[in-house]
Amino acid sequence: MDKQEKEPKRIKERLFKDKPLSEISLKEFERPTNDYMTNLRRFCISLGVISPGESRVAIVHILDVLIKARSKKQKSLDSYEIVKELYRRNIKIVYANVLRDVRKLISIGLVEKRENRYRIRENLPLHEILKTYIKPYIVDKIFNRITEYAESIDKSK
């Protein structure tokens, strides 16, 4: 194997080694306002689900649909019911994008999938999900690993 063949292999190995196991991006805003959709959008931005100033905020509407389904005792919705509700609200979105956004909500722990239906995790209030699942199992876990790196760096200097 010559040097040209080894280089792409090294890059792939490094990319695989440096791939994060999980990630979350936290952002802080001013205190909540009385506007529900603004608060929901800022909630999503704060958790890193969307970026500030992003124009494609369908994920905010999807989360809203699931929250309202929970409060109507509908419990869970399948993906077609989510798309139907979005279209009813004049929010045009491609079905594949709905699935992508729902997977994003699942990956951060806000939504769960049961029997091909989606719902807010255990139909809990959002603050309970943050306190019970996201903080201890995602944020604290990541912060502890970062602390391990810091301790390892301090020991090796």
Protein backbone atom coordinates (compact mmCIF):
# COMPACT_ATOMS: atom_id res chain seq x y z
CA MET A 1 0.00 0.00 0.00
CA ASP A 2 1.42 3.35 -0.94
CA LYS A 3 0.94 6.62 0.92
CA GLN A 4 -2.00 7.77 -1.26
CA GLU A 5 -4.02 4.67 -0.36
CA LYS A 6 -3.28 4.93 3.35
CA GLU A 7 -4.33 8.58 3.70
CA PRO A 8 -8.10 8.12 3.02
CA LYS A 9 -8.10 5.15 5.40
CA ARG A 10 -6.53 7.27 8.16
CA ILE A 11 -9.08 10.01 7.65
CA LYS A 12 -11.97 7.52 7.86
CA GLU A 13 -10.50 5.99 11.04
CA ARG A 14 -10.15 9.41 12.64
CA LEU A 15 -13.69 10.43 11.67
CA PHE A 16 -15.05 7.24 13.17
CA LYS A 17 -13.04 7.69 16.38
CA ASP A 18 -14.17 11.29 16.84
CA LYS A 19 -17.85 10.59 16.22
CA PRO A 20 -19.86 11.70 19.29
CA LEU A 21 -21.99 9.11 21.07
CA SER A 22 -24.61 11.74 21.80
CA GLU A 23 -24.89 15.48 21.61
CA ILE A 24 -27.01 18.32 22.81
CA SER A 25 -26.62 22.03 22.23
CA LEU A 26 -27.99 24.35 24.90
CA LYS A 27 -28.80 28.02 24.40
CA GLU A 28 -30.25 30.51 26.86
CA PHE A 29 -32.80 33.19 26.03
CA GLU A 30 -34.50 35.89 28.07
CA ARG A 31 -37.45 34.91 30.23
CA PRO A 32 -40.55 33.39 28.55
CA THR A 33 -43.15 35.73 27.09
CA ASN A 34 -46.93 35.32 26.97
CA ASP A 35 -46.75 34.17 23.32
CA TYR A 36 -47.09 30.36 23.20
CA MET A 37 -45.49 29.83 19.75
CA THR A 38 -42.56 32.13 20.56
CA ASN A 39 -41.94 30.19 23.77
CA LEU A 40 -42.20 26.87 21.93
CA ARG A 41 -39.79 28.05 19.21
CA ARG A 42 -37.30 29.29 21.82
CA PHE A 43 -37.68 25.99 23.70
CA CYS A 44 -36.68 24.13 20.52
CA ILE A 45 -33.79 26.51 19.84
CA SER A 46 -32.64 26.23 23.47
CA LEU A 47 -32.37 22.45 23.12
CA GLY A 48 -30.54 22.75 19.79
CA VAL A 49 -33.33 21.18 17.75
CA ILE A 50 -33.33 24.18 15.41
CA SER A 51 -30.91 27.05 14.92
CA PRO A 52 -31.66 30.67 15.78
CA GLY A 53 -33.09 32.46 12.74
CA GLU A 54 -33.82 29.21 10.91
CA SER A 55 -36.74 29.67 8.56
CA ARG A 56 -37.75 25.98 8.47
CA VAL A 57 -39.45 25.59 11.81
CA ALA A 58 -41.83 22.76 10.99
CA ILE A 59 -40.41 20.83 13.94
CA VAL A 60 -41.91 23.48 16.26
CA HIS A 61 -45.34 22.88 14.70
CA ILE A 62 -44.89 19.10 14.92
CA LEU A 63 -44.06 19.40 18.62
CA ASP A 64 -47.10 21.65 19.03
CA VAL A 65 -49.33 19.05 17.33
CA LEU A 66 -48.05 16.35 19.70
CA ILE A 67 -48.47 18.58 22.77
CA LYS A 68 -52.04 19.45 21.79
CA ALA A 69 -52.82 15.78 21.08
CA ARG A 70 -51.63 14.96 24.60
CA SER A 71 -53.86 17.62 26.12
CA LYS A 72 -56.86 16.39 24.08
CA LYS A 73 -56.33 12.90 25.53
CA GLN A 74 -55.58 11.61 22.04
CA LYS A 75 -52.43 10.15 23.58
CA SER A 76 -50.55 9.41 20.33
CA LEU A 77 -50.66 10.10 16.59
CA ASP A 78 -49.29 8.27 13.61
CA SER A 79 -47.20 10.15 11.07
CA TYR A 80 -50.11 10.58 8.64
CA GLU A 81 -52.27 12.15 11.36
CA ILE A 82 -49.42 14.59 12.12
CA VAL A 83 -49.13 15.54 8.43
CA LYS A 84 -52.93 15.89 8.15
CA GLU A 85 -53.01 18.22 11.16
CA LEU A 86 -50.15 20.30 9.77
CA TYR A 87 -51.95 20.65 6.43
CA ARG A 88 -55.13 21.61 8.29
CA ARG A 89 -53.09 24.45 9.82
CA ASN A 90 -51.80 25.47 6.34
CA ILE A 91 -48.28 24.26 7.10
CA LYS A 92 -47.11 22.51 3.95
CA ILE A 93 -44.40 19.94 4.65
CA VAL A 94 -43.09 16.90 2.87
CA TYR A 95 -43.84 13.60 4.60
CA ALA A 96 -40.14 12.64 4.72
CA ASN A 97 -39.33 15.89 6.52
CA VAL A 98 -41.99 15.15 9.14
CA LEU A 99 -40.34 11.79 9.79
CA ARG A 100 -36.89 13.42 10.00
CA ASP A 101 -38.14 16.04 12.47
CA VAL A 102 -39.94 13.46 14.60
CA ARG A 103 -36.72 11.38 14.73
CA LYS A 104 -34.91 14.51 15.91
CA LEU A 105 -37.46 14.96 18.71
CA ILE A 106 -37.06 11.28 19.61
CA SER A 107 -33.25 11.57 19.70
CA ILE A 108 -33.34 14.31 22.32
CA GLY A 109 -35.90 12.43 24.40
CA LEU A 110 -39.01 14.59 24.03
CA VAL A 111 -41.02 12.18 21.89
CA GLU A 112 -41.35 8.42 21.88
CA LYS A 113 -42.60 5.93 19.31
CA ARG A 114 -44.98 3.16 20.37
CA GLU A 115 -46.58 0.81 17.83
CA ASN A 116 -45.85 3.21 14.92
CA ARG A 117 -47.48 6.07 16.79
CA TYR A 118 -45.78 9.11 18.28
CA ARG A 119 -46.48 10.88 21.53
CA ILE A 120 -44.85 13.20 24.02
CA ARG A 121 -42.67 10.96 26.20
CA GLU A 122 -44.98 9.08 28.59
CA ASN A 123 -47.47 11.94 28.09
CA LEU A 124 -45.57 13.91 30.73
CA PRO A 125 -45.38 17.70 30.91
CA LEU A 126 -42.28 19.04 29.14
CA HIS A 127 -40.63 20.27 32.35
CA GLU A 128 -40.96 16.76 33.83
CA ILE A 129 -39.31 15.23 30.75
CA LEU A 130 -36.44 17.68 31.07
CA LYS A 131 -36.02 16.98 34.77
CA THR A 132 -36.49 13.20 34.62
CA TYR A 133 -34.87 12.17 31.34
CA ILE A 134 -32.90 14.84 29.52
CA LYS A 135 -30.92 16.35 32.40
CA PRO A 136 -29.77 13.15 34.15
CA TYR A 137 -29.35 10.91 31.12
CA ILE A 138 -28.08 13.34 28.51
CA VAL A 139 -26.79 16.62 29.97
CA ASP A 140 -25.22 15.23 33.16
CA LYS A 141 -23.77 12.25 31.29
CA ILE A 142 -22.13 14.49 28.67
CA PHE A 143 -20.91 16.92 31.33
CA ASN A 144 -19.38 14.04 33.36
CA ARG A 145 -17.53 12.79 30.28
CA ILE A 146 -16.21 16.31 29.60
CA THR A 147 -15.05 16.42 33.22
CA GLU A 148 -13.20 13.11 32.66
CA TYR A 149 -11.40 14.67 29.68
CA ALA A 150 -10.49 17.72 31.77
CA GLU A 151 -9.13 15.53 34.59
CA SER A 152 -7.14 13.43 32.11
CA ILE A 153 -5.65 16.59 30.56
CA ASP A 154 -4.77 17.98 34.01
CA LYS A 155 -3.02 14.71 34.98
CA SER A 156 -0.97 14.49 31.81
CA LYS A 157 0.52 17.99 31.78
